[in-house]
Every structure is written in structure tokens, then in C-alpha cells.
Amino acid sequence: MDSRLWKPPTYVAEKLNPGEKDIIEEKPKRSSITARLFLARKILVRELLANTAALSPEKHPSPVPDFQVTELDDGSFKIQGTFNTTEYETSRQKVKFKLNHICPGLFSFNLSRTSYQPNQLGADCETSSSSFEFMVELSLENTSSCFRHDDHCKLTAVWASINASPTFFLKPISPGQWKSAKMPFGSQRFELKQTKIPYVLHINFSRTCGEMNAQMQFINLYVNQFNCDVTFHFDTAEKDESIGGHVNILSVRSSIFAAMFQSGMQETNTRKVCIKDIKPDIFKQLLYYIYSGRTSTKLSEEIAQPLYVAADMYDIEDLKDECVQFLLSCIKLENAINLMAWAHVLSIDSIKEATLTFVESRGREICKQDDWERLIKNYPDLSLLASRRMLK
């Protein structure tokens, strides 16, 4: 303990009047050194307990978990990421995600980890050598009130793996809920630091051949440009470039397209639309998502941000959510400041909060970057908020 923060108290002997008895000293007297050591030990134990409470998850929420949702070719889904937990006390982490139109609703994937100390120590303050044992339990829940239970979209299997362990199944316990058995996770030394638990979750649905064929036929309409009744041209293209679409499909998926083709605007008559603010490759990904419910290629850091802007411009909410969830998994030292400023401008609270939390934890390195100077100049309010978080 820092000697500057605590000093042994100075003892002043109390003077007694002549003839008075000191009735307080019926106990055996401690020497001055023993008394000071005893008091110091009590204060040390008290401060250790206070520090542990101050670091508990109740007062300082755990970092936002990072994960990525991928739809596989067989129609199943793979959710991969890490849970960030503390190495002591009871820890519960939650990841919320959406899949696609095949199974609508918001899913919640939870990890509960309980730590306990087999041999509880008494008053001895040497807690740094104690070991803790852990039990983990995984659960999955569809939190949507409109969750479908029909045979055409039935969740048939849920299995997972944590910390590169063999896979295990989560069993259904009620409609829309699945849970694993409690499993030992191992022992660690008692250290006040963060730890990451990697996981892989698989969700499998039963889909009829008719559903899969219908989806593929819609995709083929766009990919092969069959019977298109509207054409999109691009101002930003280096060469004359265009792509076709179908008014009815676009209008069903986007309220902006619906208004564009039904309000007597120029596009209603000419069936030609000039795209000015979106690059061709991004707009084509937007159209592919409208027809299929997914992008034609895996999301990357290069396209996720402009694709979010395009989805926001044309009111494609599910694509916006997918871009946000992907970007949450991409936060790192090299892009945290720019991503934070971008989320601040577009009012994406989840990304802004996640980047603020990251900047708070890496403040010394963040402040050395050129991007930090630009943030101070261009977004003084945001830089002030980040600075205050660093000083907590």
C-alpha cells in the first residue's frame, strides 16, 4: 500500500489525575509496535475488500462482447466471438443478435459464470494466493413476441463450444429457450484483470425445399437481370454503368423506394434513377441484400460503414443492424477514434458507447495518435467526453 495514502496514527497518552485508577487497562497491554501492526493489518484488509467491491461488475459493467453472425450455405447460422468476463465473483454476459427473415426476432445468447473459493480464508489478508473454481452455463432465448413455432421455420438444433472445448448441445427447456448443463471451466489464480472466453454457437433450422427455392429464384431475378422495370445509373462511376431492379420488390423492402415510385416523381415515369451519393459496388450490395436478405460477399471494414449509410438512406433496418453488429466486432486501436467520430455523427449509440469504452481502457496509447489531435480539433465535445472517461 502506498505510504503516501496512509500513515500510522500518532498515539498520545491520556493523563490521569493523581489517585485515579486506569480501569481501561485491565487487558494486557500491547507494545506500541504491536498495536500499530495490528491496526495496519485491519486497515489493509478493509481496503482490500473495498477495492474488490469497487471493481465488481455491478459498479463497472463488463465490456461489450464482440461477435459475428454468419449464415452458412446450408441455411444454419454460426455466431462466433468472445465473452469478456472478470476472474472473480458471479459474471453474466449477454449477446443480442438478429438472424434474418427466415427466423425473425431478437435472440439473446447468455453466459453465466460462477466462481467460488473451495477453501475460504479467515482474517488472513494474503488473498493473492487463493484459487477460484468456475462453473459456466450457456442459454439461448428468442425474446421476440412474434417468434414463430411452425414447421417451416423450426429451430431444430443448437450446439456450442467454449474455449476450444468439444461441442455440446443446448437442450430446449421451453418454447424459444435452450440451455446447457453447468460445466466446469477450470481454475485460475485470483487476479484483478479481464479475461476472454471464446465461443462458437451454431443454430440450425428446418427449411422446406420450397422456401429455399423461392429465395434462390428471387436472387436470380436480380443477378441475371430478368424482367427489370427500373434502371439505376451512377454519377460517381468512372464509366457509364447501370444496374436493373424490380419496382414491386424494391417498394416492398424499402419505404423510400415505395415513395419514389408512387408519388408522381420523375422516376415514376422514366423508370430511371440517378444514384449520386453511393458508389456502384455499395449500391449493388444494397440491392442484393434487398433480394436475398444477405450481402453477396462477407462484410468487411471497408464496406460496412458505407453500406450502413446506404441502408440508412433507403430505410433497410435489418441491413443497418447487421453492419452495426459487424463493426462492433472490429473495434481496435487503429480505428477506434475514427469509428467513434463516425458513430457520433450518425447517432449510432451502440458503436459510440463501445468505442468510448475501448478508448477509456487504452487512453495512454490513444492520446499519442494523430487521429486524437484531429478529434480534438473537429469534435471538441466528443473528445472532452472521451477524456473524462479516461480520467475515471
Protein backbone atom coordinates (compact mmCIF):
# COMPACT_ATOMS: atom_id res chain seq x y z
CA MET A 1 0.00 0.00 0.00
CA ASP A 2 1.20 3.50 -0.84
CA SER A 3 2.67 5.11 2.24
CA ARG A 4 1.56 8.49 0.95
CA LEU A 5 -2.09 7.48 1.25
CA TRP A 6 -1.91 6.09 4.79
CA LYS A 7 0.27 6.80 7.83
CA PRO A 8 0.20 5.08 11.21
CA PRO A 9 -1.76 7.20 13.73
CA THR A 10 0.13 9.09 16.42
CA TYR A 11 -0.68 7.84 19.91
CA VAL A 12 -0.93 10.39 22.78
CA ALA A 13 -1.02 9.02 26.29
CA GLU A 14 -4.02 10.26 28.24
CA LYS A 15 -3.10 11.97 31.51
CA LEU A 16 -4.87 10.80 34.67
CA ASN A 17 -5.46 12.82 37.78
CA PRO A 18 -3.48 11.73 40.84
CA GLY A 19 -5.11 8.88 42.66
CA GLU A 20 -7.32 7.82 39.70
CA LYS A 21 -7.29 4.21 38.56
CA ASP A 22 -6.91 3.41 34.91
CA ILE A 23 -9.79 0.94 34.65
CA ILE A 24 -9.38 0.69 30.87
CA GLU A 25 -6.12 -1.16 31.10
CA GLU A 26 -7.38 -4.34 32.67
CA LYS A 27 -6.42 -6.14 29.41
CA PRO A 28 -2.78 -6.99 28.80
CA LYS A 29 -1.04 -4.07 27.18
CA ARG A 30 0.28 -4.33 23.64
CA SER A 31 3.58 -2.82 22.82
CA SER A 32 3.47 0.28 20.63
CA ILE A 33 4.88 -1.60 17.61
CA THR A 34 2.42 -4.49 18.02
CA ALA A 35 -0.53 -2.12 18.27
CA ARG A 36 0.49 -0.29 15.14
CA LEU A 37 0.96 -3.52 13.18
CA PHE A 38 -2.43 -4.79 14.35
CA LEU A 39 -4.17 -1.58 13.26
CA ALA A 40 -2.34 -1.52 9.94
CA ARG A 41 -3.43 -5.07 9.24
CA LYS A 42 -7.10 -4.23 9.92
CA ILE A 43 -6.97 -1.22 7.63
CA LEU A 44 -5.25 -3.25 4.89
CA VAL A 45 -7.95 -5.95 4.98
CA ARG A 46 -10.68 -3.27 4.91
CA GLU A 47 -9.13 -1.58 1.87
CA LEU A 48 -8.68 -4.87 0.02
CA LEU A 49 -12.39 -5.58 0.49
CA ALA A 50 -13.31 -2.07 -0.65
CA ASN A 51 -11.14 -2.35 -3.76
CA THR A 52 -12.70 -5.69 -4.67
CA ALA A 53 -16.18 -4.17 -4.32
CA ALA A 54 -15.17 -1.19 -6.43
CA LEU A 55 -14.09 -3.48 -9.27
CA SER A 56 -17.20 -5.63 -9.14
CA PRO A 57 -19.36 -5.91 -12.29
CA GLU A 58 -22.26 -4.16 -10.56
CA LYS A 59 -20.39 -0.83 -10.41
CA HIS A 60 -18.29 -1.18 -13.57
CA PRO A 61 -20.17 -3.01 -16.35
CA SER A 62 -18.18 -5.55 -18.32
CA PRO A 63 -17.01 -4.56 -21.80
CA VAL A 64 -19.34 -5.11 -24.71
CA PRO A 65 -18.91 -8.66 -26.06
CA ASP A 66 -17.60 -8.93 -29.62
CA PHE A 67 -19.12 -11.42 -32.07
CA GLN A 68 -20.05 -12.04 -35.69
CA VAL A 69 -23.12 -13.76 -37.15
CA THR A 70 -22.62 -15.76 -40.36
CA GLU A 71 -25.27 -17.56 -42.39
CA LEU A 72 -23.79 -20.75 -43.82
CA ASP A 73 -24.61 -22.31 -47.18
CA ASP A 74 -26.81 -24.98 -45.59
CA GLY A 75 -29.06 -22.32 -44.02
CA SER A 76 -27.68 -22.71 -40.50
CA PHE A 77 -26.10 -19.83 -38.57
CA LYS A 78 -22.73 -19.56 -36.88
CA ILE A 79 -22.19 -16.98 -34.16
CA GLN A 80 -18.55 -16.61 -33.16
CA GLY A 81 -16.87 -14.24 -30.71
CA THR A 82 -15.63 -13.81 -27.17
CA PHE A 83 -17.22 -13.12 -23.82
CA ASN A 84 -15.28 -10.61 -21.71
CA THR A 85 -15.60 -11.54 -18.05
CA THR A 86 -13.83 -10.91 -14.78
CA GLU A 87 -11.93 -13.66 -13.00
CA TYR A 88 -13.88 -13.38 -9.76
CA GLU A 89 -17.42 -13.20 -8.42
CA THR A 90 -20.51 -14.13 -10.44
CA SER A 91 -20.38 -12.94 -14.04
CA ARG A 92 -23.21 -12.92 -16.58
CA GLN A 93 -22.65 -11.85 -20.16
CA LYS A 94 -25.33 -11.34 -22.82
CA VAL A 95 -25.11 -11.08 -26.61
CA LYS A 96 -28.18 -9.96 -28.56
CA PHE A 97 -28.42 -10.58 -32.28
CA LYS A 98 -30.82 -10.98 -35.19
CA LEU A 99 -30.62 -13.63 -37.89
CA ASN A 100 -32.72 -12.83 -40.98
CA HIS A 101 -36.22 -13.06 -42.40
CA ILE A 102 -36.08 -16.88 -42.26
CA CYS A 103 -36.42 -16.69 -38.48
CA PRO A 104 -37.40 -13.20 -37.33
CA GLY A 105 -36.95 -11.93 -33.82
CA LEU A 106 -34.18 -10.93 -31.44
CA PHE A 107 -32.06 -13.70 -29.94
CA SER A 108 -30.26 -13.42 -26.62
CA PHE A 109 -27.23 -15.66 -26.01
CA ASN A 110 -26.16 -15.73 -22.37
CA LEU A 111 -23.15 -16.99 -20.45
CA SER A 112 -23.38 -17.35 -16.68
CA ARG A 113 -20.12 -17.99 -14.85
CA THR A 114 -19.98 -18.57 -11.12
CA SER A 115 -16.72 -18.57 -9.20
CA TYR A 116 -16.26 -19.91 -5.70
CA GLN A 117 -13.33 -20.44 -3.36
CA PRO A 118 -13.11 -24.00 -2.04
CA ASN A 119 -11.02 -23.06 0.99
CA GLN A 120 -12.29 -19.79 2.37
CA LEU A 121 -9.60 -17.84 4.23
CA GLY A 122 -10.26 -16.29 7.59
CA ALA A 123 -8.90 -12.98 8.71
CA ASP A 124 -5.63 -13.52 6.94
CA CYS A 125 -5.21 -10.78 4.35
CA GLU A 126 -2.95 -12.68 1.96
CA THR A 127 -5.70 -13.28 -0.61
CA SER A 128 -3.45 -13.14 -3.64
CA SER A 129 -2.52 -16.81 -3.32
CA SER A 130 -6.07 -18.16 -3.19
CA SER A 131 -7.54 -20.08 -6.14
CA PHE A 132 -11.06 -19.93 -7.54
CA GLU A 133 -13.07 -22.60 -9.36
CA PHE A 134 -15.53 -21.79 -12.13
CA MET A 135 -18.78 -23.24 -13.47
CA VAL A 136 -20.28 -21.98 -16.74
CA GLU A 137 -23.76 -22.31 -18.21
CA LEU A 138 -24.95 -21.20 -21.67
CA SER A 139 -28.50 -20.32 -22.65
CA LEU A 140 -30.24 -19.08 -25.80
CA GLU A 141 -33.59 -17.30 -25.91
CA ASN A 142 -35.70 -15.77 -28.63
CA THR A 143 -37.00 -12.62 -26.95
CA SER A 144 -39.39 -11.62 -29.75
CA SER A 145 -43.10 -11.81 -29.02
CA CYS A 146 -43.72 -12.77 -32.66
CA PHE A 147 -41.46 -15.84 -32.58
CA ARG A 148 -42.76 -18.46 -35.00
CA HIS A 149 -43.08 -22.09 -33.97
CA ASP A 150 -44.43 -23.50 -37.24
CA ASP A 151 -42.78 -26.40 -39.03
CA HIS A 152 -41.48 -24.20 -41.83
CA CYS A 153 -39.11 -22.32 -39.54
CA LYS A 154 -38.41 -24.67 -36.70
CA LEU A 155 -35.19 -24.40 -34.74
CA THR A 156 -34.02 -28.00 -34.75
CA ALA A 157 -30.61 -27.91 -33.04
CA VAL A 158 -28.40 -25.59 -31.02
CA TRP A 159 -24.84 -26.55 -30.18
CA ALA A 160 -21.82 -24.64 -28.96
CA SER A 161 -18.18 -24.75 -27.95
CA ILE A 162 -16.37 -22.53 -25.47
CA ASN A 163 -12.64 -22.08 -25.06
CA ALA A 164 -11.97 -24.59 -27.89
CA SER A 165 -13.77 -27.33 -25.96
CA PRO A 166 -15.60 -30.22 -27.65
CA THR A 167 -19.05 -29.18 -28.88
CA PHE A 168 -22.08 -29.77 -26.68
CA PHE A 169 -25.81 -29.33 -27.27
CA LEU A 170 -28.18 -26.88 -25.64
CA LYS A 171 -31.48 -28.55 -24.79
CA PRO A 172 -34.91 -26.95 -25.24
CA ILE A 173 -36.46 -26.09 -21.87
CA SER A 174 -39.50 -24.13 -23.14
CA PRO A 175 -40.70 -22.60 -26.43
CA GLY A 176 -37.97 -20.26 -27.62
CA GLN A 177 -35.49 -21.19 -24.84
CA TRP A 178 -32.49 -23.54 -24.79
CA LYS A 179 -29.94 -24.17 -22.06
CA SER A 180 -26.79 -26.21 -21.48
CA ALA A 181 -25.81 -28.11 -18.37
CA LYS A 182 -23.43 -26.45 -15.92
CA MET A 183 -19.84 -27.27 -16.82
CA PRO A 184 -16.51 -26.77 -15.04
CA PHE A 185 -14.32 -24.19 -16.72
CA GLY A 186 -11.08 -24.61 -14.73
CA SER A 187 -9.19 -22.76 -12.03
CA GLN A 188 -7.21 -19.54 -12.12
CA ARG A 189 -5.21 -17.59 -9.60
CA PHE A 190 -7.05 -14.68 -8.03
CA GLU A 191 -6.04 -11.69 -10.16
CA LEU A 192 -7.94 -8.46 -10.71
CA LYS A 193 -7.90 -8.43 -14.51
CA GLN A 194 -10.11 -9.15 -17.51
CA THR A 195 -10.26 -12.50 -19.25
CA LYS A 196 -11.80 -13.55 -22.57
CA ILE A 197 -13.76 -16.73 -23.16
CA PRO A 198 -14.01 -17.57 -26.89
CA TYR A 199 -17.18 -19.30 -28.07
CA VAL A 200 -18.79 -20.66 -31.22
CA LEU A 201 -22.58 -21.08 -31.36
CA HIS A 202 -24.43 -22.94 -34.13
CA ILE A 203 -28.17 -22.66 -34.78
CA ASN A 204 -29.87 -24.94 -37.27
CA PHE A 205 -33.35 -24.52 -38.73
CA SER A 206 -35.54 -26.77 -40.78
CA ARG A 207 -36.47 -25.10 -44.06
CA THR A 208 -38.54 -26.66 -46.79
CA CYS A 209 -37.20 -27.03 -50.30
CA GLY A 210 -39.93 -24.64 -51.43
CA GLU A 211 -38.63 -21.87 -49.17
CA MET A 212 -35.05 -22.30 -50.33
CA ASN A 213 -36.10 -22.43 -54.00
CA ALA A 214 -38.22 -19.30 -53.64
CA GLN A 215 -35.30 -17.41 -52.14
CA MET A 216 -32.94 -18.54 -54.91
CA GLN A 217 -35.45 -17.54 -57.60
CA PHE A 218 -35.70 -14.01 -56.19
CA ILE A 219 -31.92 -13.77 -56.13
CA ASN A 220 -31.74 -14.98 -59.74
CA LEU A 221 -34.18 -12.27 -60.79
CA TYR A 222 -31.62 -9.68 -59.69
CA VAL A 223 -28.38 -11.48 -60.53
CA ASN A 224 -29.49 -12.38 -64.08
CA GLN A 225 -31.37 -9.08 -64.54
CA PHE A 226 -34.62 -10.78 -65.66
CA ASN A 227 -37.63 -8.56 -66.49
CA CYS A 228 -36.23 -5.45 -64.81
CA ASP A 229 -38.55 -2.42 -64.96
CA VAL A 230 -36.28 0.24 -63.43
CA THR A 231 -32.65 1.15 -64.14
CA PHE A 232 -30.16 2.78 -61.79
CA HIS A 233 -27.31 4.95 -63.12
CA PHE A 234 -24.35 6.26 -61.13
CA ASP A 235 -22.88 9.75 -61.13
CA THR A 236 -19.77 8.57 -59.29
CA ALA A 237 -18.88 5.83 -61.79
CA GLU A 238 -15.81 6.40 -63.95
CA LYS A 239 -17.63 4.85 -66.89
CA ASP A 240 -21.25 4.54 -67.88
CA GLU A 241 -22.56 1.88 -65.53
CA SER A 242 -26.09 0.81 -64.66
CA ILE A 243 -27.98 -1.95 -62.86
CA GLY A 244 -31.62 -3.00 -63.10
CA GLY A 245 -34.24 -3.77 -60.49
CA HIS A 246 -37.93 -4.55 -59.99
CA VAL A 247 -40.21 -1.78 -58.73
CA ASN A 248 -42.59 -4.01 -56.80
CA ILE A 249 -39.85 -5.90 -54.92
CA LEU A 250 -37.92 -2.73 -54.13
CA SER A 251 -41.08 -0.97 -52.93
CA VAL A 252 -41.97 -3.80 -50.56
CA ARG A 253 -38.50 -3.84 -48.98
CA SER A 254 -37.89 -0.07 -48.79
CA SER A 255 -40.28 2.72 -47.85
CA ILE A 256 -38.03 5.15 -49.72
CA PHE A 257 -38.30 3.21 -52.97
CA ALA A 258 -42.05 2.88 -52.41
CA ALA A 259 -42.42 6.66 -52.11
CA MET A 260 -40.13 7.21 -55.10
CA PHE A 261 -42.20 5.07 -57.46
CA GLN A 262 -45.69 6.02 -56.24
CA SER A 263 -45.61 9.76 -55.73
CA GLY A 264 -45.64 11.03 -59.30
CA MET A 265 -41.93 11.84 -59.20
CA GLN A 266 -39.85 11.84 -62.37
CA GLU A 267 -38.59 8.31 -61.63
CA THR A 268 -42.20 7.04 -61.75
CA ASN A 269 -42.50 7.93 -65.43
CA THR A 270 -38.97 7.43 -66.73
CA ARG A 271 -38.16 4.37 -64.59
CA LYS A 272 -34.61 5.70 -64.48
CA VAL A 273 -32.93 6.65 -61.18
CA CYS A 274 -29.64 8.52 -60.85
CA ILE A 275 -27.63 7.48 -57.79
CA LYS A 276 -25.38 10.36 -56.74
CA ASP A 277 -24.07 9.69 -53.24
CA ILE A 278 -23.39 5.93 -53.24
CA LYS A 279 -20.65 4.08 -55.08
CA PRO A 280 -21.78 1.41 -57.54
CA ASP A 281 -20.33 -1.56 -55.64
CA ILE A 282 -22.04 -0.45 -52.40
CA PHE A 283 -25.39 0.14 -54.08
CA LYS A 284 -25.22 -3.28 -55.75
CA GLN A 285 -24.63 -4.87 -52.34
CA LEU A 286 -27.69 -2.99 -51.07
CA LEU A 287 -29.82 -4.33 -53.92
CA TYR A 288 -28.51 -7.88 -53.45
CA TYR A 289 -29.46 -7.68 -49.77
CA ILE A 290 -32.95 -6.47 -50.66
CA TYR A 291 -33.50 -9.56 -52.82
CA SER A 292 -31.73 -12.17 -50.67
CA GLY A 293 -31.51 -10.96 -47.07
CA ARG A 294 -27.71 -11.09 -47.11
CA THR A 295 -24.78 -9.48 -48.88
CA SER A 296 -23.15 -11.19 -51.87
CA THR A 297 -19.77 -11.21 -50.08
CA LYS A 298 -18.75 -11.24 -46.46
CA LEU A 299 -18.84 -7.90 -44.70
CA SER A 300 -15.51 -6.16 -44.28
CA GLU A 301 -14.35 -3.00 -42.56
CA GLU A 302 -14.07 -1.30 -45.96
CA ILE A 303 -17.70 -1.74 -46.97
CA ALA A 304 -19.57 -1.97 -43.63
CA GLN A 305 -19.61 1.79 -42.97
CA PRO A 306 -20.67 2.98 -46.46
CA LEU A 307 -23.17 0.10 -46.64
CA TYR A 308 -24.70 1.25 -43.34
CA VAL A 309 -25.06 4.77 -44.78
CA ALA A 310 -26.75 3.38 -47.90
CA ALA A 311 -29.09 1.20 -45.83
CA ASP A 312 -29.97 4.18 -43.66
CA MET A 313 -30.65 6.29 -46.77
CA TYR A 314 -33.10 3.68 -48.15
CA ASP A 315 -34.55 2.55 -44.80
CA ILE A 316 -33.30 -1.06 -44.77
CA GLU A 317 -33.26 -1.59 -41.00
CA ASP A 318 -32.11 -5.22 -40.91
CA LEU A 319 -29.06 -4.40 -43.03
CA LYS A 320 -28.25 -1.49 -40.74
CA ASP A 321 -28.34 -3.86 -37.76
CA GLU A 322 -26.01 -6.33 -39.46
CA CYS A 323 -23.49 -3.59 -40.27
CA VAL A 324 -23.58 -2.33 -36.67
CA GLN A 325 -23.04 -5.80 -35.22
CA PHE A 326 -20.12 -6.37 -37.59
CA LEU A 327 -18.47 -3.03 -36.76
CA LEU A 328 -18.80 -3.74 -33.04
CA SER A 329 -16.55 -6.75 -33.59
CA CYS A 330 -13.94 -4.67 -35.46
CA ILE A 331 -13.02 -2.09 -32.83
CA LYS A 332 -9.26 -1.87 -32.35
CA LEU A 333 -6.54 0.65 -31.60
CA GLU A 334 -6.08 1.65 -35.24
CA ASN A 335 -9.72 2.55 -35.95
CA ALA A 336 -11.31 3.31 -32.57
CA ILE A 337 -11.12 7.12 -32.84
CA ASN A 338 -12.43 7.36 -36.41
CA LEU A 339 -15.17 4.82 -35.72
CA MET A 340 -16.17 6.74 -32.59
CA ALA A 341 -16.42 10.02 -34.53
CA TRP A 342 -18.36 8.31 -37.34
CA ALA A 343 -20.86 6.80 -34.88
CA HIS A 344 -21.17 10.17 -33.12
CA VAL A 345 -22.08 11.97 -36.35
CA LEU A 346 -24.66 9.30 -37.35
CA SER A 347 -26.01 8.88 -33.78
CA ILE A 348 -25.25 5.15 -33.59
CA ASP A 349 -25.26 4.87 -29.81
CA SER A 350 -24.13 1.24 -29.51
CA ILE A 351 -20.94 1.80 -31.54
CA LYS A 352 -20.26 5.15 -29.88
CA GLU A 353 -20.51 3.62 -26.40
CA ALA A 354 -18.38 0.61 -27.36
CA THR A 355 -15.62 2.80 -28.82
CA LEU A 356 -15.73 5.11 -25.78
CA THR A 357 -15.26 2.08 -23.55
CA PHE A 358 -12.31 0.94 -25.68
CA VAL A 359 -10.74 4.42 -25.70
CA GLU A 360 -11.18 4.61 -21.93
CA SER A 361 -9.25 1.36 -21.47
CA ARG A 362 -6.41 2.34 -23.86
CA GLY A 363 -6.18 6.05 -23.10
CA ARG A 364 -2.38 6.30 -22.94
CA GLU A 365 -1.98 4.81 -26.44
CA ILE A 366 -4.98 6.62 -27.90
CA CYS A 367 -3.70 10.07 -26.91
CA LYS A 368 -0.44 9.50 -28.83
CA GLN A 369 -2.23 9.12 -32.17
CA ASP A 370 -2.60 11.83 -34.81
CA ASP A 371 -6.30 10.93 -35.03
CA TRP A 372 -6.69 12.09 -31.43
CA GLU A 373 -5.44 15.58 -32.34
CA ARG A 374 -7.86 15.72 -35.26
CA LEU A 375 -10.69 14.59 -32.96
CA ILE A 376 -9.93 17.44 -30.54
CA LYS A 377 -9.99 19.93 -33.40
CA ASN A 378 -13.08 18.66 -35.25
CA TYR A 379 -15.19 17.21 -32.43
CA PRO A 380 -14.26 19.02 -29.19
CA ASP A 381 -17.37 17.86 -27.31
CA LEU A 382 -16.69 14.21 -28.15
CA SER A 383 -13.00 14.46 -27.25
CA LEU A 384 -13.97 16.05 -23.92
CA LEU A 385 -16.37 13.19 -23.21
CA ALA A 386 -13.66 10.63 -24.06
CA SER A 387 -11.11 12.47 -21.89
CA ARG A 388 -13.44 12.43 -18.91
CA ARG A 389 -13.99 8.69 -19.36
CA MET A 390 -10.21 8.15 -19.37
CA LEU A 391 -9.82 10.02 -16.07
CA LYS A 392 -12.39 7.94 -14.20
